[in-house]
Amino acid sequence: MGVRVIPETMIQHAKQILRLRSHHANKIDVPKGHFAVYVGDEDNNMKRFVVPISFLKQPMFQALLKRAEDEFGFDQPMGNQHLLIPCPVDHFLDLTSRITNN
C-alpha cells in the first residue's frame, strides 16, 4: 500500500471549483415566494435563513424588522444586498416556529 501524490494542478483546480460553488450558492437558493435574511449579532458570524414572504404580514416578524431598522437604518453593515436581523439565532428560530405553528 503506497502513498499517492496528487499533482498540484489537481489541487488548485479542486479549490477553484469549491470557491465557485460556494460563491454561486450564496447568490441563489432562494425559491420564489421567499427571501433571505442574515440573523445574529454583528460580532458573531451571521447565519443565513430563507423565509417565506408571508412572514412579512406577521406582527412578530415586523417587530424584528423594526428593530433592524432602528439599529441599522437602511445602511446596514453587510451592505444593501443583505437583510440583517440583529437578534440571537435561537430567538429567531423560536419566533419563526411560533409563526409557522399559528
Foldseek 3Di string as FASTA:
>chain_A
DDDDDDDPVVVVVVVVVVVVVVVVVVVDPADPQWDKAWEEAPVDHTDIDIGGPVCCVPPVVVVQLVVQCVVANCQDPVGNVHHYGYDHPVVVVVVVVVVVVD
